[in-house]
Amino acid sequence: MNKIKNYEDLVAHRRRLETNLRSQKSYLNHRVDLIKEKFEPISKVVAFFKSDKKTKVNTLINNGSSLLKIGSTAGIDMLLQRRLSKAGWLTKLVLPFVLRFAAARTLEKVEHKTV
């Protein structure tokens, strides 16, 4: 770093410091945004469990029932994995789709009843 000899040097140094500060702030804001994106699913789960019961059901339904759909899909997959181990290839292909469709229809009926 050069020594500051006059007022112009001081002003130039201040501008460099302010520019450096702005760039570091933007970098930190960008990093914080990335961290927020990574923790967004966790914050949604925490918000889900903080709300009251009626709000929980409406939140699940209004958000496309994504949590319920994921749970029903995972449950169907786990049940069918054991049950269909000796079944034919057509049954293994068709039955999961039929059951997922039935689960989706059931979730839609629940949605219409609660809304």
PDB file of N, CA and C in Angstrom:
ATOM      1  N   MET A   1       0.832  -1.176   0.000  1.00  0.00           N
ATOM      2  CA  MET A   1       0.000   0.000   0.000  1.00  0.00           C
ATOM      3  C   MET A   1       0.883   1.248   0.000  1.00  0.00           C
ATOM      4  N   ASN A   2       0.515   2.201  -0.824  1.00  0.00           N
ATOM      5  CA  ASN A   2       1.253   3.463  -0.889  1.00  0.00           C
ATOM      6  C   ASN A   2       0.871   4.355   0.288  1.00  0.00           C
ATOM      7  N   LYS A   3       1.803   5.198   0.664  1.00  0.00           N
ATOM      8  CA  LYS A   3       1.508   6.156   1.717  1.00  0.00           C
ATOM      9  C   LYS A   3       0.631   7.261   1.157  1.00  0.00           C
ATOM     10  N   ILE A   4      -0.257   7.725   1.991  1.00  0.00           N
ATOM     11  CA  ILE A   4      -1.148   8.816   1.597  1.00  0.00           C
ATOM     12  C   ILE A   4      -0.424  10.126   1.888  1.00  0.00           C
ATOM     13  N   LYS A   5      -0.204  10.893   0.797  1.00  0.00           N
ATOM     14  CA  LYS A   5       0.580  12.124   0.937  1.00  0.00           C
ATOM     15  C   LYS A   5      -0.277  13.376   0.910  1.00  0.00           C
ATOM     16  N   ASN A   6      -1.442  13.294   0.242  1.00  0.00           N
ATOM     17  CA  ASN A   6      -2.276  14.485   0.157  1.00  0.00           C
ATOM     18  C   ASN A   6      -3.755  14.081   0.170  1.00  0.00           C
ATOM     19  N   TYR A   7      -4.604  15.069   0.042  1.00  0.00           N
ATOM     20  CA  TYR A   7      -6.050  14.848   0.134  1.00  0.00           C
ATOM     21  C   TYR A   7      -6.557  13.976  -1.013  1.00  0.00           C
ATOM     22  N   GLU A   8      -6.036  14.157  -2.216  1.00  0.00           N
ATOM     23  CA  GLU A   8      -6.472  13.364  -3.370  1.00  0.00           C
ATOM     24  C   GLU A   8      -6.143  11.886  -3.164  1.00  0.00           C
ATOM     25  N   ASP A   9      -4.986  11.606  -2.600  1.00  0.00           N
ATOM     26  CA  ASP A   9      -4.627  10.214  -2.299  1.00  0.00           C
ATOM     27  C   ASP A   9      -5.586   9.613  -1.273  1.00  0.00           C
ATOM     28  N   LEU A  10      -5.959  10.427  -0.303  1.00  0.00           N
ATOM     29  CA  LEU A  10      -6.902   9.970   0.713  1.00  0.00           C
ATOM     30  C   LEU A  10      -8.264   9.653   0.106  1.00  0.00           C
ATOM     31  N   VAL A  11      -8.755  10.517  -0.769  1.00  0.00           N
ATOM     32  CA  VAL A  11     -10.056  10.298  -1.420  1.00  0.00           C
ATOM     33  C   VAL A  11      -9.994   9.061  -2.317  1.00  0.00           C
ATOM     34  N   ALA A  12      -8.894   8.910  -3.061  1.00  0.00           N
ATOM     35  CA  ALA A  12      -8.761   7.741  -3.933  1.00  0.00           C
ATOM     36  C   ALA A  12      -8.722   6.446  -3.109  1.00  0.00           C
ATOM     37  N   HIS A  13      -8.004   6.487  -1.996  1.00  0.00           N
ATOM     38  CA  HIS A  13      -7.929   5.307  -1.127  1.00  0.00           C
ATOM     39  C   HIS A  13      -9.302   4.983  -0.538  1.00  0.00           C
ATOM     40  N   ARG A  14     -10.021   6.012  -0.141  1.00  0.00           N
ATOM     41  CA  ARG A  14     -11.376   5.792   0.387  1.00  0.00           C
ATOM     42  C   ARG A  14     -12.277   5.153  -0.670  1.00  0.00           C
ATOM     43  N   ARG A  15     -12.199   5.611  -1.905  1.00  0.00           N
ATOM     44  CA  ARG A  15     -13.010   5.034  -2.990  1.00  0.00           C
ATOM     45  C   ARG A  15     -12.654   3.572  -3.221  1.00  0.00           C
ATOM     46  N   ARG A  16     -11.362   3.253  -3.177  1.00  0.00           N
ATOM     47  CA  ARG A  16     -10.942   1.856  -3.334  1.00  0.00           C
ATOM     48  C   ARG A  16     -11.507   0.995  -2.210  1.00  0.00           C
ATOM     49  N   LEU A  17     -11.436   1.514  -0.991  1.00  0.00           N
ATOM     50  CA  LEU A  17     -11.971   0.769   0.153  1.00  0.00           C
ATOM     51  C   LEU A  17     -13.491   0.573   0.043  1.00  0.00           C
ATOM     52  N   GLU A  18     -14.204   1.623  -0.385  1.00  0.00           N
ATOM     53  CA  GLU A  18     -15.657   1.513  -0.539  1.00  0.00           C
ATOM     54  C   GLU A  18     -16.016   0.517  -1.645  1.00  0.00           C
ATOM     55  N   THR A  19     -15.259   0.529  -2.731  1.00  0.00           N
ATOM     56  CA  THR A  19     -15.501  -0.431  -3.813  1.00  0.00           C
ATOM     57  C   THR A  19     -15.241  -1.843  -3.335  1.00  0.00           C
ATOM     58  N   ASN A  20     -14.160  -2.014  -2.600  1.00  0.00           N
ATOM     59  CA  ASN A  20     -13.840  -3.328  -2.045  1.00  0.00           C
ATOM     60  C   ASN A  20     -14.938  -3.791  -1.079  1.00  0.00           C
ATOM     61  N   LEU A  21     -15.427  -2.883  -0.262  1.00  0.00           N
ATOM     62  CA  LEU A  21     -16.493  -3.210   0.677  1.00  0.00           C
ATOM     63  C   LEU A  21     -17.765  -3.639  -0.050  1.00  0.00           C
ATOM     64  N   ARG A  22     -18.138  -2.905  -1.111  1.00  0.00           N
ATOM     65  CA  ARG A  22     -19.338  -3.264  -1.887  1.00  0.00           C
ATOM     66  C   ARG A  22     -19.196  -4.645  -2.518  1.00  0.00           C
ATOM     67  N   SER A  23     -18.028  -4.942  -3.065  1.00  0.00           N
ATOM     68  CA  SER A  23     -17.841  -6.248  -3.698  1.00  0.00           C
ATOM     69  C   SER A  23     -17.896  -7.369  -2.665  1.00  0.00           C
ATOM     70  N   GLN A  24     -17.321  -7.141  -1.489  1.00  0.00           N
ATOM     71  CA  GLN A  24     -17.370  -8.163  -0.444  1.00  0.00           C
ATOM     72  C   GLN A  24     -18.779  -8.352   0.086  1.00  0.00           C
ATOM     73  N   LYS A  25     -19.541  -7.258   0.198  1.00  0.00           N
ATOM     74  CA  LYS A  25     -20.939  -7.372   0.627  1.00  0.00           C
ATOM     75  C   LYS A  25     -21.754  -8.171  -0.383  1.00  0.00           C
ATOM     76  N   SER A  26     -21.559  -7.898  -1.666  1.00  0.00           N
ATOM     77  CA  SER A  26     -22.315  -8.631  -2.685  1.00  0.00           C
ATOM     78  C   SER A  26     -21.928 -10.111  -2.682  1.00  0.00           C
ATOM     79  N   TYR A  27     -20.642 -10.400  -2.481  1.00  0.00           N
ATOM     80  CA  TYR A  27     -20.200 -11.788  -2.393  1.00  0.00           C
ATOM     81  C   TYR A  27     -20.845 -12.492  -1.204  1.00  0.00           C
ATOM     82  N   LEU A  28     -20.833 -11.835  -0.037  1.00  0.00           N
ATOM     83  CA  LEU A  28     -21.450 -12.439   1.149  1.00  0.00           C
ATOM     84  C   LEU A  28     -22.957 -12.612   0.979  1.00  0.00           C
ATOM     85  N   ASN A  29     -23.625 -11.634   0.379  1.00  0.00           N
ATOM     86  CA  ASN A  29     -25.063 -11.767   0.127  1.00  0.00           C
ATOM     87  C   ASN A  29     -25.348 -12.943  -0.798  1.00  0.00           C
ATOM     88  N   HIS A  30     -24.506 -13.114  -1.797  1.00  0.00           N
ATOM     89  CA  HIS A  30     -24.671 -14.244  -2.718  1.00  0.00           C
ATOM     90  C   HIS A  30     -24.505 -15.565  -1.974  1.00  0.00           C
ATOM     91  N   ARG A  31     -23.495 -15.661  -1.121  1.00  0.00           N
ATOM     92  CA  ARG A  31     -23.262 -16.891  -0.345  1.00  0.00           C
ATOM     93  C   ARG A  31     -24.420 -17.165   0.612  1.00  0.00           C
ATOM     94  N   VAL A  32     -24.948 -16.125   1.244  1.00  0.00           N
ATOM     95  CA  VAL A  32     -26.087 -16.295   2.155  1.00  0.00           C
ATOM     96  C   VAL A  32     -27.305 -16.782   1.378  1.00  0.00           C
ATOM     97  N   ASP A  33     -27.528 -16.244   0.181  1.00  0.00           N
ATOM     98  CA  ASP A  33     -28.649 -16.702  -0.651  1.00  0.00           C
ATOM     99  C   ASP A  33     -28.499 -18.171  -1.015  1.00  0.00           C
ATOM    100  N   LEU A  34     -27.277 -18.603  -1.321  1.00  0.00           N
ATOM    101  CA  LEU A  34     -27.050 -20.014  -1.623  1.00  0.00           C
ATOM    102  C   LEU A  34     -27.352 -20.899  -0.417  1.00  0.00           C
ATOM    103  N   ILE A  35     -26.943 -20.456   0.756  1.00  0.00           N
ATOM    104  CA  ILE A  35     -27.216 -21.223   1.974  1.00  0.00           C
ATOM    105  C   ILE A  35     -28.713 -21.274   2.237  1.00  0.00           C
ATOM    106  N   LYS A  36     -29.410 -20.152   2.033  1.00  0.00           N
ATOM    107  CA  LYS A  36     -30.869 -20.136   2.225  1.00  0.00           C
ATOM    108  C   LYS A  36     -31.548 -21.108   1.271  1.00  0.00           C
ATOM    109  N   GLU A  37     -31.085 -21.179   0.027  1.00  0.00           N
ATOM    110  CA  GLU A  37     -31.657 -22.117  -0.938  1.00  0.00           C
ATOM    111  C   GLU A  37     -31.483 -23.554  -0.472  1.00  0.00           C
ATOM    112  N   LYS A  38     -30.313 -23.871   0.063  1.00  0.00           N
ATOM    113  CA  LYS A  38     -30.052 -25.233   0.512  1.00  0.00           C
ATOM    114  C   LYS A  38     -30.909 -25.608   1.714  1.00  0.00           C
ATOM    115  N   PHE A  39     -31.204 -24.645   2.578  1.00  0.00           N
ATOM    116  CA  PHE A  39     -31.980 -24.924   3.778  1.00  0.00           C
ATOM    117  C   PHE A  39     -33.474 -24.665   3.612  1.00  0.00           C
ATOM    118  N   GLU A  40     -33.907 -24.293   2.416  1.00  0.00           N
ATOM    119  CA  GLU A  40     -35.323 -24.011   2.190  1.00  0.00           C
ATOM    120  C   GLU A  40     -36.221 -25.207   2.504  1.00  0.00           C
ATOM    121  N   PRO A  41     -35.882 -26.441   2.077  1.00  0.00           N
ATOM    122  CA  PRO A  41     -36.748 -27.570   2.437  1.00  0.00           C
ATOM    123  C   PRO A  41     -36.878 -27.764   3.942  1.00  0.00           C
ATOM    124  N   ILE A  42     -35.785 -27.554   4.664  1.00  0.00           N
ATOM    125  CA  ILE A  42     -35.830 -27.710   6.117  1.00  0.00           C
ATOM    126  C   ILE A  42     -36.715 -26.633   6.731  1.00  0.00           C
ATOM    127  N   SER A  43     -36.614 -25.420   6.242  1.00  0.00           N
ATOM    128  CA  SER A  43     -37.445 -24.347   6.798  1.00  0.00           C
ATOM    129  C   SER A  43     -38.919 -24.583   6.511  1.00  0.00           C
ATOM    130  N   LYS A  44     -39.234 -25.195   5.362  1.00  0.00           N
ATOM    131  CA  LYS A  44     -40.629 -25.520   5.068  1.00  0.00           C
ATOM    132  C   LYS A  44     -41.154 -26.582   6.027  1.00  0.00           C
ATOM    133  N   VAL A  45     -40.333 -27.567   6.337  1.00  0.00           N
ATOM    134  CA  VAL A  45     -40.748 -28.612   7.277  1.00  0.00           C
ATOM    135  C   VAL A  45     -40.965 -28.015   8.661  1.00  0.00           C
ATOM    136  N   VAL A  46     -40.059 -27.145   9.093  1.00  0.00           N
ATOM    137  CA  VAL A  46     -40.205 -26.511  10.401  1.00  0.00           C
ATOM    138  C   VAL A  46     -41.461 -25.653  10.435  1.00  0.00           C
ATOM    139  N   ALA A  47     -41.710 -24.909   9.383  1.00  0.00           N
ATOM    140  CA  ALA A  47     -42.913 -24.085   9.323  1.00  0.00           C
ATOM    141  C   ALA A  47     -44.160 -24.953   9.328  1.00  0.00           C
ATOM    142  N   PHE A  48     -44.101 -26.102   8.692  1.00  0.00           N
ATOM    143  CA  PHE A  48     -45.242 -27.020   8.665  1.00  0.00           C
ATOM    144  C   PHE A  48     -45.578 -27.484  10.077  1.00  0.00           C
ATOM    145  N   PHE A  49     -44.571 -27.862  10.854  1.00  0.00           N
ATOM    146  CA  PHE A  49     -44.824 -28.382  12.186  1.00  0.00           C
ATOM    147  C   PHE A  49     -45.144 -27.279  13.202  1.00  0.00           C
ATOM    148  N   LYS A  50     -44.841 -26.036  12.887  1.00  0.00           N
ATOM    149  CA  LYS A  50     -45.173 -24.943  13.790  1.00  0.00           C
ATOM    150  C   LYS A  50     -46.638 -24.530  13.682  1.00  0.00           C
ATOM    151  N   SER A  51     -47.248 -24.732  12.543  1.00  0.00           N
ATOM    152  CA  SER A  51     -48.608 -24.250  12.339  1.00  0.00           C
ATOM    153  C   SER A  51     -49.615 -25.165  13.019  1.00  0.00           C
ATOM    154  N   ASP A  52     -50.860 -24.678  13.142  1.00  0.00           N
ATOM    155  CA  ASP A  52     -51.894 -25.487  13.780  1.00  0.00           C
ATOM    156  C   ASP A  52     -52.407 -26.565  12.834  1.00  0.00           C
ATOM    157  N   LYS A  53     -53.259 -27.471  13.337  1.00  0.00           N
ATOM    158  CA  LYS A  53     -53.666 -28.650  12.571  1.00  0.00           C
ATOM    159  C   LYS A  53     -54.394 -28.289  11.280  1.00  0.00           C
ATOM    160  N   LYS A  54     -55.364 -27.410  11.337  1.00  0.00           N
ATOM    161  CA  LYS A  54     -56.126 -27.072  10.137  1.00  0.00           C
ATOM    162  C   LYS A  54     -55.217 -26.433   9.089  1.00  0.00           C
ATOM    163  N   THR A  55     -54.322 -25.581   9.543  1.00  0.00           N
ATOM    164  CA  THR A  55     -53.387 -24.943   8.623  1.00  0.00           C
ATOM    165  C   THR A  55     -52.446 -25.976   8.019  1.00  0.00           C
ATOM    166  N   LYS A  56     -52.059 -26.994   8.804  1.00  0.00           N
ATOM    167  CA  LYS A  56     -51.190 -28.041   8.279  1.00  0.00           C
ATOM    168  C   LYS A  56     -51.844 -28.746   7.110  1.00  0.00           C
ATOM    169  N   VAL A  57     -53.088 -29.151   7.290  1.00  0.00           N
ATOM    170  CA  VAL A  57     -53.789 -29.869   6.221  1.00  0.00           C
ATOM    171  C   VAL A  57     -53.961 -28.975   5.009  1.00  0.00           C
ATOM    172  N   ASN A  58     -54.373 -27.736   5.228  1.00  0.00           N
ATOM    173  CA  ASN A  58     -54.552 -26.818   4.104  1.00  0.00           C
ATOM    174  C   ASN A  58     -53.236 -26.506   3.416  1.00  0.00           C
ATOM    175  N   THR A  59     -52.158 -26.419   4.177  1.00  0.00           N
ATOM    176  CA  THR A  59     -50.850 -26.173   3.584  1.00  0.00           C
ATOM    177  C   THR A  59     -50.454 -27.335   2.685  1.00  0.00           C
ATOM    178  N   LEU A  60     -50.664 -28.546   3.173  1.00  0.00           N
ATOM    179  CA  LEU A  60     -50.330 -29.712   2.355  1.00  0.00           C
ATOM    180  C   LEU A  60     -51.153 -29.731   1.077  1.00  0.00           C
ATOM    181  N   ILE A  61     -52.413 -29.438   1.203  1.00  0.00           N
ATOM    182  CA  ILE A  61     -53.299 -29.516   0.045  1.00  0.00           C
ATOM    183  C   ILE A  61     -53.029 -28.367  -0.919  1.00  0.00           C
ATOM    184  N   ASN A  62     -52.886 -27.162  -0.395  1.00  0.00           N
ATOM    185  CA  ASN A  62     -52.690 -26.006  -1.267  1.00  0.00           C
ATOM    186  C   ASN A  62     -51.339 -26.002  -1.954  1.00  0.00           C
ATOM    187  N   ASN A  63     -50.345 -26.634  -1.391  1.00  0.00           N
ATOM    188  CA  ASN A  63     -49.033 -26.706  -2.023  1.00  0.00           C
ATOM    189  C   ASN A  63     -48.944 -27.897  -2.964  1.00  0.00           C
ATOM    190  N   GLY A  64     -50.036 -28.342  -3.505  1.00  0.00           N
ATOM    191  CA  GLY A  64     -50.020 -29.441  -4.447  1.00  0.00           C
ATOM    192  C   GLY A  64     -49.880 -30.790  -3.767  1.00  0.00           C
ATOM    193  N   SER A  65     -50.135 -30.827  -2.467  1.00  0.00           N
ATOM    194  CA  SER A  65     -50.043 -32.064  -1.699  1.00  0.00           C
ATOM    195  C   SER A  65     -48.706 -32.756  -1.920  1.00  0.00           C
ATOM    196  N   SER A  66     -47.677 -31.990  -2.092  1.00  0.00           N
ATOM    197  CA  SER A  66     -46.383 -32.585  -2.429  1.00  0.00           C
ATOM    198  C   SER A  66     -45.890 -33.523  -1.338  1.00  0.00           C
ATOM    199  N   LEU A  67     -46.048 -33.138  -0.087  1.00  0.00           N
ATOM    200  CA  LEU A  67     -45.592 -34.000   0.991  1.00  0.00           C
ATOM    201  C   LEU A  67     -46.427 -35.279   1.051  1.00  0.00           C
ATOM    202  N   LEU A  68     -47.738 -35.124   0.899  1.00  0.00           N
ATOM    203  CA  LEU A  68     -48.607 -36.312   0.893  1.00  0.00           C
ATOM    204  C   LEU A  68     -48.330 -37.195  -0.319  1.00  0.00           C
ATOM    205  N   LYS A  69     -48.105 -36.581  -1.462  1.00  0.00           N
ATOM    206  CA  LYS A  69     -47.816 -37.364  -2.669  1.00  0.00           C
ATOM    207  C   LYS A  69     -46.504 -38.130  -2.532  1.00  0.00           C
ATOM    208  N   ILE A  70     -45.501 -37.469  -1.985  1.00  0.00           N
ATOM    209  CA  ILE A  70     -44.215 -38.137  -1.798  1.00  0.00           C
ATOM    210  C   ILE A  70     -44.366 -39.307  -0.834  1.00  0.00           C
ATOM    211  N   GLY A  71     -45.088 -39.069   0.250  1.00  0.00           N
ATOM    212  CA  GLY A  71     -45.296 -40.137   1.230  1.00  0.00           C
ATOM    213  C   GLY A  71     -46.076 -41.306   0.670  1.00  0.00           C
ATOM    214  N   SER A  72     -47.134 -41.008  -0.089  1.00  0.00           N
ATOM    215  CA  SER A  72     -47.930 -42.102  -0.653  1.00  0.00           C
ATOM    216  C   SER A  72     -47.134 -42.864  -1.713  1.00  0.00           C
ATOM    217  N   THR A  73     -46.367 -42.148  -2.515  1.00  0.00           N
ATOM    218  CA  THR A  73     -45.548 -42.813  -3.529  1.00  0.00           C
ATOM    219  C   THR A  73     -44.495 -43.708  -2.878  1.00  0.00           C
ATOM    220  N   ALA A  74     -43.853 -43.199  -1.843  1.00  0.00           N
ATOM    221  CA  ALA A  74     -42.835 -44.000  -1.154  1.00  0.00           C
ATOM    222  C   ALA A  74     -43.469 -45.224  -0.489  1.00  0.00           C
ATOM    223  N   GLY A  75     -44.635 -45.039   0.112  1.00  0.00           N
ATOM    224  CA  GLY A  75     -45.324 -46.167   0.743  1.00  0.00           C
ATOM    225  C   GLY A  75     -45.732 -47.225  -0.257  1.00  0.00           C
ATOM    226  N   ILE A  76     -46.249 -46.789  -1.390  1.00  0.00           N
ATOM    227  CA  ILE A  76     -46.648 -47.736  -2.436  1.00  0.00           C
ATOM    228  C   ILE A  76     -45.431 -48.492  -2.944  1.00  0.00           C
ATOM    229  N   ASP A  77     -44.340 -47.782  -3.171  1.00  0.00           N
ATOM    230  CA  ASP A  77     -43.120 -48.442  -3.655  1.00  0.00           C
ATOM    231  C   ASP A  77     -42.603 -49.474  -2.662  1.00  0.00           C
ATOM    232  N   MET A  78     -42.624 -49.109  -1.370  1.00  0.00           N
ATOM    233  CA  MET A  78     -42.133 -50.059  -0.363  1.00  0.00           C
ATOM    234  C   MET A  78     -43.021 -51.294  -0.262  1.00  0.00           C
ATOM    235  N   LEU A  79     -44.325 -51.085  -0.296  1.00  0.00           N
ATOM    236  CA  LEU A  79     -45.238 -52.229  -0.204  1.00  0.00           C
ATOM    237  C   LEU A  79     -45.125 -53.141  -1.416  1.00  0.00           C
ATOM    238  N   LEU A  80     -45.065 -52.540  -2.575  1.00  0.00           N
ATOM    239  CA  LEU A  80     -45.043 -53.345  -3.790  1.00  0.00           C
ATOM    240  C   LEU A  80     -43.699 -54.018  -4.030  1.00  0.00           C
ATOM    241  N   GLN A  81     -42.648 -53.470  -3.504  1.00  0.00           N
ATOM    242  CA  GLN A  81     -41.331 -54.061  -3.711  1.00  0.00           C
ATOM    243  C   GLN A  81     -41.285 -55.474  -3.135  1.00  0.00           C
ATOM    244  N   ARG A  82     -41.868 -55.662  -1.977  1.00  0.00           N
ATOM    245  CA  ARG A  82     -41.892 -56.992  -1.372  1.00  0.00           C
ATOM    246  C   ARG A  82     -42.962 -57.878  -2.006  1.00  0.00           C
ATOM    247  N   ARG A  83     -44.125 -57.322  -2.232  1.00  0.00           N
ATOM    248  CA  ARG A  83     -45.266 -58.120  -2.700  1.00  0.00           C
ATOM    249  C   ARG A  83     -45.117 -58.588  -4.148  1.00  0.00           C
ATOM    250  N   LEU A  84     -44.466 -57.777  -4.965  1.00  0.00           N
ATOM    251  CA  LEU A  84     -44.404 -58.085  -6.387  1.00  0.00           C
ATOM    252  C   LEU A  84     -43.065 -58.688  -6.802  1.00  0.00           C
ATOM    253  N   SER A  85     -42.319 -59.225  -5.866  1.00  0.00           N
ATOM    254  CA  SER A  85     -41.001 -59.753  -6.214  1.00  0.00           C
ATOM    255  C   SER A  85     -41.086 -60.944  -7.182  1.00  0.00           C
ATOM    256  N   LYS A  86     -42.161 -61.733  -7.092  1.00  0.00           N
ATOM    257  CA  LYS A  86     -42.291 -62.899  -7.969  1.00  0.00           C
ATOM    258  C   LYS A  86     -43.347 -62.708  -9.053  1.00  0.00           C
ATOM    259  N   ALA A  87     -43.878 -61.495  -9.166  1.00  0.00           N
ATOM    260  CA  ALA A  87     -44.917 -61.229 -10.158  1.00  0.00           C
ATOM    261  C   ALA A  87     -44.289 -61.056 -11.543  1.00  0.00           C
ATOM    262  N   GLY A  88     -45.141 -61.090 -12.552  1.00  0.00           N
ATOM    263  CA  GLY A  88     -44.685 -60.908 -13.925  1.00  0.00           C
ATOM    264  C   GLY A  88     -44.308 -59.458 -14.198  1.00  0.00           C
ATOM    265  N   TRP A  89     -43.628 -59.242 -15.299  1.00  0.00           N
ATOM    266  CA  TRP A  89     -43.135 -57.914 -15.624  1.00  0.00           C
ATOM    267  C   TRP A  89     -44.282 -56.938 -15.901  1.00  0.00           C
ATOM    268  N   LEU A  90     -45.381 -57.418 -16.482  1.00  0.00           N
ATOM    269  CA  LEU A  90     -46.510 -56.533 -16.769  1.00  0.00           C
ATOM    270  C   LEU A  90     -47.153 -56.050 -15.471  1.00  0.00           C
ATOM    271  N   THR A  91     -47.294 -56.948 -14.525  1.00  0.00           N
ATOM    272  CA  THR A  91     -47.862 -56.576 -13.229  1.00  0.00           C
ATOM    273  C   THR A  91     -46.953 -55.583 -12.513  1.00  0.00           C
ATOM    274  N   LYS A  92     -45.652 -55.813 -12.575  1.00  0.00           N
ATOM    275  CA  LYS A  92     -44.705 -54.900 -11.942  1.00  0.00           C
ATOM    276  C   LYS A  92     -44.734 -53.519 -12.586  1.00  0.00           C
ATOM    277  N   LEU A  93     -45.097 -53.482 -13.846  1.00  0.00           N
ATOM    278  CA  LEU A  93     -45.118 -52.220 -14.569  1.00  0.00           C
ATOM    279  C   LEU A  93     -46.426 -51.459 -14.348  1.00  0.00           C
ATOM    280  N   VAL A  94     -47.561 -52.182 -14.372  1.00  0.00           N
ATOM    281  CA  VAL A  94     -48.868 -51.536 -14.367  1.00  0.00           C
ATOM    282  C   VAL A  94     -49.367 -51.226 -12.953  1.00  0.00           C
ATOM    283  N   LEU A  95     -49.232 -52.151 -12.029  1.00  0.00           N
ATOM    284  CA  LEU A  95     -49.817 -52.005 -10.700  1.00  0.00           C
ATOM    285  C   LEU A  95     -49.339 -50.762  -9.949  1.00  0.00           C
ATOM    286  N   PRO A  96     -48.058 -50.416  -9.968  1.00  0.00           N
ATOM    287  CA  PRO A  96     -47.659 -49.180  -9.277  1.00  0.00           C
ATOM    288  C   PRO A  96     -48.335 -47.928  -9.838  1.00  0.00           C
ATOM    289  N   PHE A  97     -48.505 -47.863 -11.155  1.00  0.00           N
ATOM    290  CA  PHE A  97     -49.177 -46.711 -11.745  1.00  0.00           C
ATOM    291  C   PHE A  97     -50.638 -46.648 -11.322  1.00  0.00           C
ATOM    292  N   VAL A  98     -51.298 -47.789 -11.279  1.00  0.00           N
ATOM    293  CA  VAL A  98     -52.703 -47.827 -10.882  1.00  0.00           C
ATOM    294  C   VAL A  98     -52.850 -47.378  -9.429  1.00  0.00           C
ATOM    295  N   LEU A  99     -51.992 -47.888  -8.567  1.00  0.00           N
ATOM    296  CA  LEU A  99     -52.078 -47.524  -7.159  1.00  0.00           C
ATOM    297  C   LEU A  99     -51.721 -46.053  -6.926  1.00  0.00           C
ATOM    298  N   ARG A 100     -50.747 -45.545  -7.651  1.00  0.00           N
ATOM    299  CA  ARG A 100     -50.407 -44.120  -7.513  1.00  0.00           C
ATOM    300  C   ARG A 100     -51.563 -43.241  -7.991  1.00  0.00           C
ATOM    301  N   PHE A 101     -52.213 -43.660  -9.077  1.00  0.00           N
ATOM    302  CA  PHE A 101     -53.355 -42.910  -9.578  1.00  0.00           C
ATOM    303  C   PHE A 101     -54.484 -42.921  -8.549  1.00  0.00           C
ATOM    304  N   ALA A 102     -54.736 -44.086  -7.950  1.00  0.00           N
ATOM    305  CA  ALA A 102     -55.788 -44.184  -6.932  1.00  0.00           C
ATOM    306  C   ALA A 102     -55.444 -43.310  -5.727  1.00  0.00           C
ATOM    307  N   ALA A 103     -54.192 -43.289  -5.326  1.00  0.00           N
ATOM    308  CA  ALA A 103     -53.777 -42.455  -4.199  1.00  0.00           C
ATOM    309  C   ALA A 103     -53.939 -40.974  -4.535  1.00  0.00           C
ATOM    310  N   ALA A 104     -53.597 -40.592  -5.748  1.00  0.00           N
ATOM    311  CA  ALA A 104     -53.751 -39.196  -6.162  1.00  0.00           C
ATOM    312  C   ALA A 104     -55.212 -38.788  -6.166  1.00  0.00           C
ATOM    313  N   ARG A 105     -56.081 -39.663  -6.652  1.00  0.00           N
ATOM    314  CA  ARG A 105     -57.521 -39.369  -6.649  1.00  0.00           C
ATOM    315  C   ARG A 105     -58.038 -39.228  -5.223  1.00  0.00           C
ATOM    316  N   THR A 106     -57.581 -40.073  -4.331  1.00  0.00           N
ATOM    317  CA  THR A 106     -58.001 -39.993  -2.932  1.00  0.00           C
ATOM    318  C   THR A 106     -57.543 -38.676  -2.320  1.00  0.00           C
ATOM    319  N   LEU A 107     -56.320 -38.263  -2.618  1.00  0.00           N
ATOM    320  CA  LEU A 107     -55.823 -36.991  -2.106  1.00  0.00           C
ATOM    321  C   LEU A 107     -56.627 -35.820  -2.669  1.00  0.00           C
ATOM    322  N   GLU A 108     -57.056 -35.917  -3.916  1.00  0.00           N
ATOM    323  CA  GLU A 108     -57.889 -34.864  -4.497  1.00  0.00           C
ATOM    324  C   GLU A 108     -59.231 -34.787  -3.796  1.00  0.00           C
ATOM    325  N   LYS A 109     -59.810 -35.939  -3.461  1.00  0.00           N
ATOM    326  CA  LYS A 109     -61.091 -35.938  -2.737  1.00  0.00           C
ATOM    327  C   LYS A 109     -60.935 -35.306  -1.366  1.00  0.00           C
ATOM    328  N   VAL A 110     -59.840 -35.623  -0.685  1.00  0.00           N
ATOM    329  CA  VAL A 110     -59.589 -35.020   0.612  1.00  0.00           C
ATOM    330  C   VAL A 110     -59.430 -33.512   0.456  1.00  0.00           C
ATOM    331  N   GLU A 111     -58.778 -33.090  -0.603  1.00  0.00           N
ATOM    332  CA  GLU A 111     -58.580 -31.666  -0.857  1.00  0.00           C
ATOM    333  C   GLU A 111     -59.914 -30.957  -0.999  1.00  0.00           C
ATOM    334  N   HIS A 112     -60.838 -31.528  -1.754  1.00  0.00           N
ATOM    335  CA  HIS A 112     -62.120 -30.877  -1.988  1.00  0.00           C
ATOM    336  C   HIS A 112     -62.970 -30.851  -0.730  1.00  0.00           C
ATOM    337  N   LYS A 113     -62.813 -31.837   0.140  1.00  0.00           N
ATOM    338  CA  LYS A 113     -63.588 -31.866   1.374  1.00  0.00           C
ATOM    339  C   LYS A 113     -63.090 -30.840   2.380  1.00  0.00           C
ATOM    340  N   THR A 114     -61.783 -30.611   2.448  1.00  0.00           N
ATOM    341  CA  THR A 114     -61.242 -29.707   3.458  1.00  0.00           C
ATOM    342  C   THR A 114     -61.263 -28.256   3.022  1.00  0.00           C
ATOM    343  N   VAL A 115     -61.309 -28.018   1.732  1.00  0.00           N
ATOM    344  CA  VAL A 115     -61.282 -26.630   1.246  1.00  0.00           C
ATOM    345  C   VAL A 115     -62.628 -26.048   1.225  1.00  0.00           C
TER     346      VAL A 115
END
